[in-house]
Amino acid sequence: HALPEPTAISRIAQFFGVTTDYLLDRPDAFAAIGPVSSVRIIGTVKAGYHAFALEEDLGSAFAEVKEAEAYRYLLVKGDSMAPYIREGDLALVRLQSDLKNGDLGVVIYGDGEATLKKYHYADGTVTLVPFNEAYATVTLSGHELDRLMIFGKVVETSTKW
């Protein structure tokens, strides 16, 4: 069988977000980096407040995870987590219903607002902390905690150039 020119293979790999080794079906292509799965990109999570959680399908991207169904990529909107996480970044989120203190998490609270923040829990109070000092920390306690849902833990973010 004939192969396309090397420049064409490179462009095809870039278009699909894969390596040329993957396209050429080289068995050792992923040996060094572990399993790679296609993970769905959903909705947009606001790195800010007053955003709604959406299950909008925005395609998929590759991630080094074994079980793609246990993860989602979320497209970050807003700048409350700047300078470390910026608008347009992809946040790889492991779907789970609990977070430990200091974890970066995606939580839904209040009237369905979704946000990506640093999570802290102490003395019956959840604190959602932004990296950007221009944004206020949100504190939830008492009955407000009944409307708090943890969507998952951010395990990685990547910047799209």
Protein backbone atom coordinates (compact mmCIF):
# COMPACT_ATOMS: atom_id res chain seq x y z
CA HIS A 1 0.00 0.00 0.00
CA ALA A 2 1.15 3.54 -0.73
CA LEU A 3 1.59 6.20 1.93
CA PRO A 4 0.97 9.93 1.50
CA GLU A 5 3.97 12.28 1.44
CA PRO A 6 5.52 12.91 4.89
CA THR A 7 4.27 16.52 4.92
CA ALA A 8 0.73 15.31 4.26
CA ILE A 9 0.99 12.73 7.07
CA SER A 10 2.19 15.47 9.40
CA ARG A 11 -0.71 17.77 8.46
CA ILE A 12 -3.26 14.96 8.90
CA ALA A 13 -1.81 14.08 12.34
CA GLN A 14 -1.92 17.73 13.39
CA PHE A 15 -5.52 18.11 12.18
CA PHE A 16 -6.68 15.12 14.23
CA GLY A 17 -4.50 15.89 17.23
CA VAL A 18 -2.52 12.64 17.03
CA THR A 19 1.12 11.76 16.44
CA THR A 20 2.43 10.63 13.08
CA ASP A 21 3.42 7.35 14.78
CA TYR A 22 -0.23 6.83 15.72
CA LEU A 23 -1.35 7.42 12.12
CA LEU A 24 1.28 5.02 10.81
CA ASP A 25 0.16 2.37 13.33
CA ARG A 26 3.57 1.96 14.90
CA PRO A 27 3.18 -0.42 17.86
CA ASP A 28 5.59 1.49 20.10
CA ALA A 29 3.92 4.86 19.47
CA PHE A 30 2.36 5.08 22.94
CA ALA A 31 4.70 2.83 24.90
CA ALA A 32 6.45 5.75 26.56
CA ILE A 33 3.40 7.79 27.50
CA GLY A 34 0.90 5.13 28.50
CA PRO A 35 -2.70 4.71 27.37
CA VAL A 36 -4.29 7.45 25.30
CA SER A 37 -8.04 7.83 25.06
CA SER A 38 -10.42 10.17 23.32
CA VAL A 39 -12.21 12.19 26.01
CA ARG A 40 -15.41 14.17 25.35
CA ILE A 41 -15.25 17.95 25.60
CA ILE A 42 -18.45 19.20 27.18
CA GLY A 43 -19.98 22.52 28.02
CA THR A 44 -17.99 25.37 29.29
CA VAL A 45 -16.99 25.80 32.88
CA LYS A 46 -16.62 29.36 33.99
CA ALA A 47 -13.54 30.36 35.89
CA GLY A 48 -15.64 33.07 37.47
CA TYR A 49 -19.12 33.16 38.90
CA HIS A 50 -22.65 33.41 37.48
CA ALA A 51 -22.15 30.72 34.84
CA PHE A 52 -24.46 27.82 34.19
CA ALA A 53 -23.33 24.23 33.84
CA LEU A 54 -24.00 22.98 30.34
CA GLU A 55 -23.74 19.48 28.88
CA GLU A 56 -22.96 20.86 25.45
CA ASP A 57 -21.00 18.49 23.21
CA LEU A 58 -17.92 20.23 21.82
CA GLY A 59 -16.16 17.22 20.32
CA SER A 60 -13.27 15.35 21.90
CA ALA A 61 -9.56 15.54 22.59
CA PHE A 62 -6.92 12.97 23.47
CA ALA A 63 -5.82 12.39 27.05
CA GLU A 64 -3.42 9.96 28.72
CA VAL A 65 -6.11 8.12 30.68
CA LYS A 66 -7.19 4.49 30.78
CA GLU A 67 -10.96 4.96 31.16
CA ALA A 68 -12.18 7.80 28.97
CA GLU A 69 -15.74 7.49 30.27
CA ALA A 70 -14.55 8.53 33.76
CA TYR A 71 -13.27 11.88 32.46
CA ARG A 72 -14.51 14.97 30.65
CA TYR A 73 -12.71 17.93 29.20
CA LEU A 74 -14.31 21.27 30.02
CA LEU A 75 -13.60 24.46 28.12
CA VAL A 76 -12.64 27.23 30.56
CA LYS A 77 -14.35 30.62 30.32
CA GLY A 78 -13.40 33.69 32.33
CA ASP A 79 -10.23 34.70 34.13
CA SER A 80 -10.76 34.06 37.84
CA MET A 81 -8.09 31.33 37.79
CA ALA A 82 -5.55 33.44 35.86
CA PRO A 83 -2.65 33.49 35.45
CA TYR A 84 -2.43 29.69 35.87
CA ILE A 85 -5.63 28.71 34.05
CA ARG A 86 -6.89 30.97 31.29
CA GLU A 87 -9.98 31.38 29.15
CA GLY A 88 -9.87 28.87 26.31
CA ASP A 89 -7.84 26.29 28.27
CA LEU A 90 -9.08 22.72 28.47
CA ALA A 91 -9.51 21.32 31.97
CA LEU A 92 -9.32 17.51 32.20
CA VAL A 93 -11.78 16.55 34.93
CA ARG A 94 -12.04 13.14 36.60
CA LEU A 95 -15.74 12.66 37.39
CA GLN A 96 -16.08 12.18 41.14
CA SER A 97 -18.40 13.37 43.89
CA ASP A 98 -15.82 14.36 46.49
CA LEU A 99 -12.76 16.59 46.73
CA LYS A 100 -9.95 16.91 49.23
CA ASN A 101 -8.79 20.22 50.65
CA GLY A 102 -6.59 22.00 48.16
CA ASP A 103 -7.94 20.12 45.12
CA LEU A 104 -8.88 22.06 42.03
CA GLY A 105 -12.45 21.12 41.39
CA VAL A 106 -15.45 21.83 39.24
CA VAL A 107 -18.48 22.42 41.42
CA ILE A 108 -22.07 23.38 40.74
CA TYR A 109 -23.86 25.43 43.38
CA GLY A 110 -26.70 27.86 43.99
CA ASP A 111 -28.99 28.07 40.97
CA GLY A 112 -26.87 25.78 38.81
CA GLU A 113 -23.74 27.92 38.61
CA ALA A 114 -20.66 25.95 37.63
CA THR A 115 -17.20 27.10 38.55
CA LEU A 116 -13.62 25.86 38.60
CA LYS A 117 -11.96 26.78 41.90
CA LYS A 118 -9.61 25.57 44.60
CA TYR A 119 -11.72 23.65 47.14
CA HIS A 120 -11.51 23.80 50.93
CA TYR A 121 -13.83 22.26 53.55
CA ALA A 122 -13.63 22.95 57.30
CA ASP A 123 -16.12 23.22 60.15
CA GLY A 124 -19.18 22.67 57.96
CA THR A 125 -18.14 25.35 55.46
CA VAL A 126 -16.97 24.99 51.85
CA THR A 127 -14.71 27.72 50.50
CA LEU A 128 -14.17 28.13 46.74
CA VAL A 129 -10.97 30.07 46.12
CA PRO A 130 -9.96 31.76 42.84
CA PHE A 131 -6.29 32.24 41.87
CA ASN A 132 -6.99 35.74 40.52
CA GLU A 133 -7.09 38.16 43.47
CA ALA A 134 -9.56 40.40 41.62
CA TYR A 135 -12.25 37.78 42.35
CA ALA A 136 -13.85 37.13 45.71
CA THR A 137 -13.73 33.81 47.52
CA VAL A 138 -17.15 32.13 47.80
CA THR A 139 -18.11 30.62 51.15
CA LEU A 140 -20.99 28.14 51.39
CA SER A 141 -22.44 26.79 54.63
CA GLY A 142 -25.64 25.50 56.19
CA HIS A 143 -28.51 25.08 53.71
CA GLU A 144 -26.28 26.39 50.87
CA LEU A 145 -24.37 23.09 51.03
CA ASP A 146 -27.58 21.22 50.08
CA ARG A 147 -27.29 22.83 46.64
CA LEU A 148 -23.58 22.12 46.19
CA MET A 149 -22.66 19.33 43.77
CA ILE A 150 -19.10 18.30 43.09
CA PHE A 151 -18.73 17.50 39.40
CA GLY A 152 -15.13 16.34 39.56
CA LYS A 153 -11.47 16.97 40.21
CA VAL A 154 -9.31 18.87 37.73
CA VAL A 155 -6.32 16.61 37.07
CA GLU A 156 -4.73 18.61 34.26
CA THR A 157 -5.19 21.75 32.24
CA SER A 158 -3.82 22.49 28.82
CA THR A 159 -3.54 25.72 26.89
CA LYS A 160 -4.64 25.87 23.28
CA TRP A 161 -2.33 28.14 21.27
